[in-house]
Amino acid sequence: MHIVIMGCGRVGSALARTLEKQGHSVAVIDQDPTAFRRLGAGFNGRRVTGVGFDQDTLKEAGIEEAGAFAAVSSGDNSNIIAARVARENFGVEHVAARIYDPRRAEVYQRLGIPTVATVRWTADQMLRRLLPSGAEPVWQDPSGSVQLAEVAFAPSWIGHRLSELEEAAGVRVAFVTRVGEGTLPTPQMVVQEGDLVHVMLRRNELTAVEAAFAKAPEEAGH
């Protein structure tokens, strides 16, 4: 996947190096060309000097081919504007914005842009938003045998009941994060776009649950 990152501070540069090591192509945008020094000599991705929400700058970074966009500059407004441009103007599927003010983060989440507030920031949280292709443990018991995992589902599950997804995977959903708020599942709950589904399961079930969630409802018999 090609991924564009706006902001080459400590977070942006760490994300860029991590994603490149995972085999993705990466482009980093920053207004300050000296910021690219943080990437190190071994970084092979694109370095684009410019404003991250400028469409020409984004095109130079390869936004038209990008599967994900991360806005992690030092400005809340710049991050949310850039994230919305990436999603609304260029149709990037996976978009995430770093927001310093937790109260604003909740508002932006309701606009459909996944946000990571600085007070709960970790690189792993941002990676889960950009690469929702597998099960990522969020918590585990001291023995590691029981885990709470955020598991990505196939887009075709949107509009189907959550209970159908549970039946297909043979698990129970612990809770769903919807527009920034945790919600306990109900029998009538329907999967919506942007939902983050959290499942409590045994460690050895992760692969099977991931595979079940990735199947379309028709393949699962629904």
C-alpha atoms as a PDB file:
ATOM      1  CA  MET A   1       0.000   0.000   0.000  1.00  0.00           C
ATOM      2  CA  HIS A   2       1.126   3.589  -0.618  1.00  0.00           C
ATOM      3  CA  ILE A   3       0.744   5.772   2.488  1.00  0.00           C
ATOM      4  CA  VAL A   4       1.068   9.550   2.766  1.00  0.00           C
ATOM      5  CA  ILE A   5       2.052  11.143   6.084  1.00  0.00           C
ATOM      6  CA  MET A   6       1.714  14.854   6.828  1.00  0.00           C
ATOM      7  CA  GLY A   7       4.185  15.952   9.472  1.00  0.00           C
ATOM      8  CA  CYS A   8       7.762  14.803   9.960  1.00  0.00           C
ATOM      9  CA  GLY A   9       8.131  15.278  13.693  1.00  0.00           C
ATOM     10  CA  ARG A  10       8.903  12.443  16.067  1.00  0.00           C
ATOM     11  CA  VAL A  11       5.568  10.729  15.441  1.00  0.00           C
ATOM     12  CA  GLY A  12       5.512  11.180  11.674  1.00  0.00           C
ATOM     13  CA  SER A  13       9.086  10.039  11.167  1.00  0.00           C
ATOM     14  CA  ALA A  14       8.566   6.998  13.427  1.00  0.00           C
ATOM     15  CA  LEU A  15       5.416   6.048  11.520  1.00  0.00           C
ATOM     16  CA  ALA A  16       7.191   6.473   8.184  1.00  0.00           C
ATOM     17  CA  ARG A  17      10.101   4.222   9.145  1.00  0.00           C
ATOM     18  CA  THR A  18       7.812   1.586  10.658  1.00  0.00           C
ATOM     19  CA  LEU A  19       5.510   1.465   7.637  1.00  0.00           C
ATOM     20  CA  GLU A  20       8.411   1.278   5.202  1.00  0.00           C
ATOM     21  CA  LYS A  21       9.917  -1.633   7.169  1.00  0.00           C
ATOM     22  CA  GLN A  22       6.549  -3.392   6.811  1.00  0.00           C
ATOM     23  CA  GLY A  23       6.896  -3.172   3.030  1.00  0.00           C
ATOM     24  CA  HIS A  24       4.687  -0.168   2.271  1.00  0.00           C
ATOM     25  CA  SER A  25       5.693   2.745   0.058  1.00  0.00           C
ATOM     26  CA  VAL A  26       5.648   6.007   2.018  1.00  0.00           C
ATOM     27  CA  ALA A  27       5.652   9.719   1.239  1.00  0.00           C
ATOM     28  CA  VAL A  28       6.181  12.319   3.964  1.00  0.00           C
ATOM     29  CA  ILE A  29       5.043  15.953   3.703  1.00  0.00           C
ATOM     30  CA  ASP A  30       6.441  18.790   5.829  1.00  0.00           C
ATOM     31  CA  GLN A  31       6.770  22.555   5.397  1.00  0.00           C
ATOM     32  CA  ASP A  32      10.274  22.474   6.873  1.00  0.00           C
ATOM     33  CA  PRO A  33      12.737  20.600   4.647  1.00  0.00           C
ATOM     34  CA  THR A  34      15.165  20.177   7.557  1.00  0.00           C
ATOM     35  CA  ALA A  35      12.544  18.026   9.331  1.00  0.00           C
ATOM     36  CA  PHE A  36      13.256  15.176   6.909  1.00  0.00           C
ATOM     37  CA  ARG A  37      16.567  14.580   8.710  1.00  0.00           C
ATOM     38  CA  ARG A  38      14.548  12.641  11.287  1.00  0.00           C
ATOM     39  CA  LEU A  39      13.832   9.979   8.670  1.00  0.00           C
ATOM     40  CA  GLY A  40      17.481   8.929   8.507  1.00  0.00           C
ATOM     41  CA  ALA A  41      19.626   7.995   5.551  1.00  0.00           C
ATOM     42  CA  GLY A  42      17.996   4.572   5.212  1.00  0.00           C
ATOM     43  CA  PHE A  43      14.549   5.942   4.386  1.00  0.00           C
ATOM     44  CA  ASN A  44      13.729   5.369   0.717  1.00  0.00           C
ATOM     45  CA  GLY A  45      10.320   7.034   0.522  1.00  0.00           C
ATOM     46  CA  ARG A  46       9.381  10.413  -0.921  1.00  0.00           C
ATOM     47  CA  ARG A  47      10.108  13.649   0.902  1.00  0.00           C
ATOM     48  CA  VAL A  48       7.731  16.423  -0.176  1.00  0.00           C
ATOM     49  CA  THR A  49       8.139  20.001   1.034  1.00  0.00           C
ATOM     50  CA  GLY A  50       4.847  21.863   1.239  1.00  0.00           C
ATOM     51  CA  VAL A  51       1.540  22.370   3.025  1.00  0.00           C
ATOM     52  CA  GLY A  52      -0.144  19.060   3.765  1.00  0.00           C
ATOM     53  CA  PHE A  53      -3.669  20.109   2.822  1.00  0.00           C
ATOM     54  CA  ASP A  54      -2.648  21.713  -0.497  1.00  0.00           C
ATOM     55  CA  GLN A  55      -3.972  19.505  -3.288  1.00  0.00           C
ATOM     56  CA  ASP A  56      -0.914  19.936  -5.535  1.00  0.00           C
ATOM     57  CA  THR A  57       1.366  18.999  -2.638  1.00  0.00           C
ATOM     58  CA  LEU A  58      -0.767  15.951  -1.887  1.00  0.00           C
ATOM     59  CA  LYS A  59      -0.682  14.895  -5.556  1.00  0.00           C
ATOM     60  CA  GLU A  60       3.118  15.220  -5.558  1.00  0.00           C
ATOM     61  CA  ALA A  61       3.142  12.864  -2.556  1.00  0.00           C
ATOM     62  CA  GLY A  62       1.063  10.325  -4.493  1.00  0.00           C
ATOM     63  CA  ILE A  63      -2.263  10.840  -2.728  1.00  0.00           C
ATOM     64  CA  GLU A  64      -4.165   9.661  -5.808  1.00  0.00           C
ATOM     65  CA  GLU A  65      -2.658   6.194  -5.408  1.00  0.00           C
ATOM     66  CA  ALA A  66      -2.663   6.181  -1.607  1.00  0.00           C
ATOM     67  CA  GLY A  67      -4.579   3.671   0.465  1.00  0.00           C
ATOM     68  CA  ALA A  68      -3.997   5.566   3.721  1.00  0.00           C
ATOM     69  CA  PHE A  69      -3.253   9.079   4.965  1.00  0.00           C
ATOM     70  CA  ALA A  70      -1.993  10.176   8.399  1.00  0.00           C
ATOM     71  CA  ALA A  71      -2.119  13.818   9.523  1.00  0.00           C
ATOM     72  CA  VAL A  72       0.334  14.121  12.424  1.00  0.00           C
ATOM     73  CA  SER A  73       1.609  17.691  12.230  1.00  0.00           C
ATOM     74  CA  SER A  74       1.676  19.994  15.268  1.00  0.00           C
ATOM     75  CA  GLY A  75      -1.553  21.813  14.348  1.00  0.00           C
ATOM     76  CA  ASP A  76      -5.049  20.485  15.063  1.00  0.00           C
ATOM     77  CA  ASN A  77      -6.701  22.583  12.368  1.00  0.00           C
ATOM     78  CA  SER A  78      -4.132  21.645   9.722  1.00  0.00           C
ATOM     79  CA  ASN A  79      -4.478  17.962  10.597  1.00  0.00           C
ATOM     80  CA  ILE A  80      -8.250  17.844  10.363  1.00  0.00           C
ATOM     81  CA  ILE A  81      -8.368  19.918   7.156  1.00  0.00           C
ATOM     82  CA  ALA A  82      -5.751  17.695   5.524  1.00  0.00           C
ATOM     83  CA  ALA A  83      -7.544  14.538   6.661  1.00  0.00           C
ATOM     84  CA  ARG A  84     -10.850  15.749   5.223  1.00  0.00           C
ATOM     85  CA  VAL A  85      -9.222  16.745   1.924  1.00  0.00           C
ATOM     86  CA  ALA A  86      -7.593  13.299   1.665  1.00  0.00           C
ATOM     87  CA  ARG A  87     -10.912  11.535   2.280  1.00  0.00           C
ATOM     88  CA  GLU A  88     -13.401  13.830   0.574  1.00  0.00           C
ATOM     89  CA  ASN A  89     -11.368  15.097  -2.399  1.00  0.00           C
ATOM     90  CA  PHE A  90      -9.223  12.066  -3.108  1.00  0.00           C
ATOM     91  CA  GLY A  91     -11.305   9.224  -1.675  1.00  0.00           C
ATOM     92  CA  VAL A  92      -8.535   7.786   0.527  1.00  0.00           C
ATOM     93  CA  GLU A  93     -10.065   4.864   2.424  1.00  0.00           C
ATOM     94  CA  HIS A  94      -8.026   4.875   5.641  1.00  0.00           C
ATOM     95  CA  VAL A  95      -7.489   8.327   7.163  1.00  0.00           C
ATOM     96  CA  ALA A  96      -6.435   9.315  10.681  1.00  0.00           C
ATOM     97  CA  ALA A  97      -5.684  12.664  12.308  1.00  0.00           C
ATOM     98  CA  ARG A  98      -3.671  13.478  15.408  1.00  0.00           C
ATOM     99  CA  ILE A  99      -5.495  15.979  17.612  1.00  0.00           C
ATOM    100  CA  TYR A 100      -4.037  17.698  20.677  1.00  0.00           C
ATOM    101  CA  ASP A 101      -7.345  18.795  22.213  1.00  0.00           C
ATOM    102  CA  PRO A 102      -9.376  15.720  23.340  1.00  0.00           C
ATOM    103  CA  ARG A 103     -12.620  17.736  23.255  1.00  0.00           C
ATOM    104  CA  ARG A 104     -12.075  18.676  19.636  1.00  0.00           C
ATOM    105  CA  ALA A 105     -11.078  15.095  18.836  1.00  0.00           C
ATOM    106  CA  GLU A 106     -14.546  13.928  19.842  1.00  0.00           C
ATOM    107  CA  VAL A 107     -16.161  16.493  17.526  1.00  0.00           C
ATOM    108  CA  TYR A 108     -13.951  15.536  14.596  1.00  0.00           C
ATOM    109  CA  GLN A 109     -14.635  11.855  15.206  1.00  0.00           C
ATOM    110  CA  ARG A 110     -18.302  12.606  14.597  1.00  0.00           C
ATOM    111  CA  LEU A 111     -17.351  14.024  11.195  1.00  0.00           C
ATOM    112  CA  GLY A 112     -16.150  10.571  10.233  1.00  0.00           C
ATOM    113  CA  ILE A 113     -12.403  11.164  10.649  1.00  0.00           C
ATOM    114  CA  PRO A 114     -10.757   8.704  13.085  1.00  0.00           C
ATOM    115  CA  THR A 115      -8.684  10.749  15.515  1.00  0.00           C
ATOM    116  CA  VAL A 116      -5.928   9.988  18.002  1.00  0.00           C
ATOM    117  CA  ALA A 117      -5.738  12.490  20.859  1.00  0.00           C
ATOM    118  CA  THR A 118      -2.260  13.222  22.202  1.00  0.00           C
ATOM    119  CA  VAL A 119      -3.255  12.251  25.734  1.00  0.00           C
ATOM    120  CA  ARG A 120      -3.730   8.634  24.610  1.00  0.00           C
ATOM    121  CA  TRP A 121      -1.273   8.627  21.730  1.00  0.00           C
ATOM    122  CA  THR A 122       0.818   5.617  20.805  1.00  0.00           C
ATOM    123  CA  ALA A 123       2.226   4.657  17.417  1.00  0.00           C
ATOM    124  CA  ASP A 124       0.299   1.380  17.654  1.00  0.00           C
ATOM    125  CA  GLN A 125      -3.031   3.236  17.863  1.00  0.00           C
ATOM    126  CA  MET A 126      -2.305   5.153  14.667  1.00  0.00           C
ATOM    127  CA  LEU A 127      -1.114   2.004  12.891  1.00  0.00           C
ATOM    128  CA  ARG A 128      -4.397   0.269  13.783  1.00  0.00           C
ATOM    129  CA  ARG A 129      -6.310   3.096  12.077  1.00  0.00           C
ATOM    130  CA  LEU A 130      -4.127   3.073   8.956  1.00  0.00           C
ATOM    131  CA  LEU A 131      -3.794  -0.670   8.504  1.00  0.00           C
ATOM    132  CA  PRO A 132      -7.051  -2.224   9.745  1.00  0.00           C
ATOM    133  CA  SER A 133      -6.350  -5.523   8.015  1.00  0.00           C
ATOM    134  CA  GLY A 134      -5.917  -7.766  11.015  1.00  0.00           C
ATOM    135  CA  ALA A 135      -6.632  -8.353  14.664  1.00  0.00           C
ATOM    136  CA  GLU A 136      -4.648  -6.104  16.993  1.00  0.00           C
ATOM    137  CA  PRO A 137      -4.538  -6.947  20.734  1.00  0.00           C
ATOM    138  CA  VAL A 138      -5.592  -3.971  22.855  1.00  0.00           C
ATOM    139  CA  TRP A 139      -5.397  -5.766  26.227  1.00  0.00           C
ATOM    140  CA  GLN A 140      -4.420  -9.197  27.485  1.00  0.00           C
ATOM    141  CA  ASP A 141      -4.433 -10.949  30.829  1.00  0.00           C
ATOM    142  CA  PRO A 142      -1.071 -11.537  32.573  1.00  0.00           C
ATOM    143  CA  SER A 143      -0.781 -15.040  31.106  1.00  0.00           C
ATOM    144  CA  GLY A 144      -1.471 -13.774  27.571  1.00  0.00           C
ATOM    145  CA  SER A 145      -4.088 -16.451  26.966  1.00  0.00           C
ATOM    146  CA  VAL A 146      -7.104 -14.097  26.881  1.00  0.00           C
ATOM    147  CA  GLN A 147      -7.037 -10.951  24.780  1.00  0.00           C
ATOM    148  CA  LEU A 148      -9.231  -8.019  23.848  1.00  0.00           C
ATOM    149  CA  ALA A 149      -8.624  -7.326  20.168  1.00  0.00           C
ATOM    150  CA  GLU A 150      -9.795  -4.705  17.711  1.00  0.00           C
ATOM    151  CA  VAL A 151     -10.680  -6.722  14.599  1.00  0.00           C
ATOM    152  CA  ALA A 152     -11.319  -5.225  11.159  1.00  0.00           C
ATOM    153  CA  PHE A 153     -14.371  -6.400   9.235  1.00  0.00           C
ATOM    154  CA  ALA A 154     -15.083  -6.534   5.496  1.00  0.00           C
ATOM    155  CA  PRO A 155     -16.920  -3.365   4.303  1.00  0.00           C
ATOM    156  CA  SER A 156     -19.746  -5.553   3.004  1.00  0.00           C
ATOM    157  CA  TRP A 157     -20.815  -6.211   6.632  1.00  0.00           C
ATOM    158  CA  ILE A 158     -22.012  -2.590   6.886  1.00  0.00           C
ATOM    159  CA  GLY A 159     -25.798  -2.644   7.197  1.00  0.00           C
ATOM    160  CA  HIS A 160     -25.886  -6.176   8.627  1.00  0.00           C
ATOM    161  CA  ARG A 161     -26.676  -6.981  12.237  1.00  0.00           C
ATOM    162  CA  LEU A 162     -23.711  -7.283  14.561  1.00  0.00           C
ATOM    163  CA  SER A 163     -25.158 -10.600  15.750  1.00  0.00           C
ATOM    164  CA  GLU A 164     -24.666 -12.010  12.218  1.00  0.00           C
ATOM    165  CA  LEU A 165     -20.991 -11.057  12.356  1.00  0.00           C
ATOM    166  CA  GLU A 166     -20.685 -12.684  15.780  1.00  0.00           C
ATOM    167  CA  GLU A 167     -22.321 -15.868  14.484  1.00  0.00           C
ATOM    168  CA  ALA A 168     -20.041 -16.009  11.451  1.00  0.00           C
ATOM    169  CA  ALA A 169     -16.915 -15.763  13.626  1.00  0.00           C
ATOM    170  CA  GLY A 170     -18.203 -17.772  16.571  1.00  0.00           C
ATOM    171  CA  VAL A 171     -17.374 -15.042  19.090  1.00  0.00           C
ATOM    172  CA  ARG A 172     -19.074 -12.367  21.162  1.00  0.00           C
ATOM    173  CA  VAL A 173     -18.298  -8.694  20.622  1.00  0.00           C
ATOM    174  CA  ALA A 174     -17.282  -6.981  23.872  1.00  0.00           C
ATOM    175  CA  PHE A 175     -18.065  -3.472  22.654  1.00  0.00           C
ATOM    176  CA  VAL A 176     -18.117  -1.229  19.595  1.00  0.00           C
ATOM    177  CA  THR A 177     -16.486   2.195  19.354  1.00  0.00           C
ATOM    178  CA  ARG A 178     -18.863   4.378  17.336  1.00  0.00           C
ATOM    179  CA  VAL A 179     -18.216   8.083  16.642  1.00  0.00           C
ATOM    180  CA  GLY A 180     -15.695   8.127  19.439  1.00  0.00           C
ATOM    181  CA  GLU A 181     -17.852   6.494  22.119  1.00  0.00           C
ATOM    182  CA  GLY A 182     -17.875   2.938  23.440  1.00  0.00           C
ATOM    183  CA  THR A 183     -21.207   1.186  22.889  1.00  0.00           C
ATOM    184  CA  LEU A 184     -22.329  -2.167  24.268  1.00  0.00           C
ATOM    185  CA  PRO A 185     -23.820  -4.447  21.584  1.00  0.00           C
ATOM    186  CA  THR A 186     -27.565  -5.060  21.466  1.00  0.00           C
ATOM    187  CA  PRO A 187     -29.513  -7.748  19.549  1.00  0.00           C
ATOM    188  CA  GLN A 188     -30.699  -5.189  17.006  1.00  0.00           C
ATOM    189  CA  MET A 189     -27.407  -3.318  16.521  1.00  0.00           C
ATOM    190  CA  VAL A 190     -26.392  -2.879  12.875  1.00  0.00           C
ATOM    191  CA  VAL A 191     -22.774  -2.524  11.734  1.00  0.00           C
ATOM    192  CA  GLN A 192     -22.053   1.039  10.591  1.00  0.00           C
ATOM    193  CA  GLU A 193     -19.218   2.575   8.604  1.00  0.00           C
ATOM    194  CA  GLY A 194     -16.420   3.703  10.910  1.00  0.00           C
ATOM    195  CA  ASP A 195     -17.265   1.224  13.673  1.00  0.00           C
ATOM    196  CA  LEU A 196     -14.325  -0.243  15.599  1.00  0.00           C
ATOM    197  CA  VAL A 197     -15.270  -3.748  16.749  1.00  0.00           C
ATOM    198  CA  HIS A 198     -13.593  -5.098  19.889  1.00  0.00           C
ATOM    199  CA  VAL A 199     -13.715  -8.835  20.607  1.00  0.00           C
ATOM    200  CA  MET A 200     -12.688 -10.760  23.729  1.00  0.00           C
ATOM    201  CA  LEU A 201     -11.156 -14.090  22.769  1.00  0.00           C
ATOM    202  CA  ARG A 202      -8.436 -16.663  23.400  1.00  0.00           C
ATOM    203  CA  ARG A 203      -5.060 -15.912  21.869  1.00  0.00           C
ATOM    204  CA  ASN A 204      -5.165 -18.990  19.627  1.00  0.00           C
ATOM    205  CA  GLU A 205      -8.476 -17.796  18.128  1.00  0.00           C
ATOM    206  CA  LEU A 206      -7.102 -14.551  16.682  1.00  0.00           C
ATOM    207  CA  THR A 207      -6.256 -15.869  13.222  1.00  0.00           C
ATOM    208  CA  ALA A 208      -9.580 -17.656  12.765  1.00  0.00           C
ATOM    209  CA  VAL A 209     -11.621 -14.646  13.915  1.00  0.00           C
ATOM    210  CA  GLU A 210      -9.620 -12.312  11.672  1.00  0.00           C
ATOM    211  CA  ALA A 211     -10.343 -14.580   8.689  1.00  0.00           C
ATOM    212  CA  ALA A 212     -14.057 -14.795   9.519  1.00  0.00           C
ATOM    213  CA  PHE A 213     -14.427 -11.025   9.853  1.00  0.00           C
ATOM    214  CA  ALA A 214     -12.621 -10.528   6.519  1.00  0.00           C
ATOM    215  CA  LYS A 215     -15.144 -12.669   4.621  1.00  0.00           C
ATOM    216  CA  ALA A 216     -18.173 -11.096   2.960  1.00  0.00           C
ATOM    217  CA  PRO A 217     -21.580 -11.955   4.483  1.00  0.00           C
ATOM    218  CA  GLU A 218     -22.426 -14.107   1.451  1.00  0.00           C
ATOM    219  CA  GLU A 219     -19.308 -16.226   2.022  1.00  0.00           C
ATOM    220  CA  ALA A 220     -20.288 -16.620   5.670  1.00  0.00           C
ATOM    221  CA  GLY A 221     -23.787 -17.729   4.750  1.00  0.00           C
ATOM    222  CA  HIS A 222     -25.603 -14.448   5.565  1.00  0.00           C
END
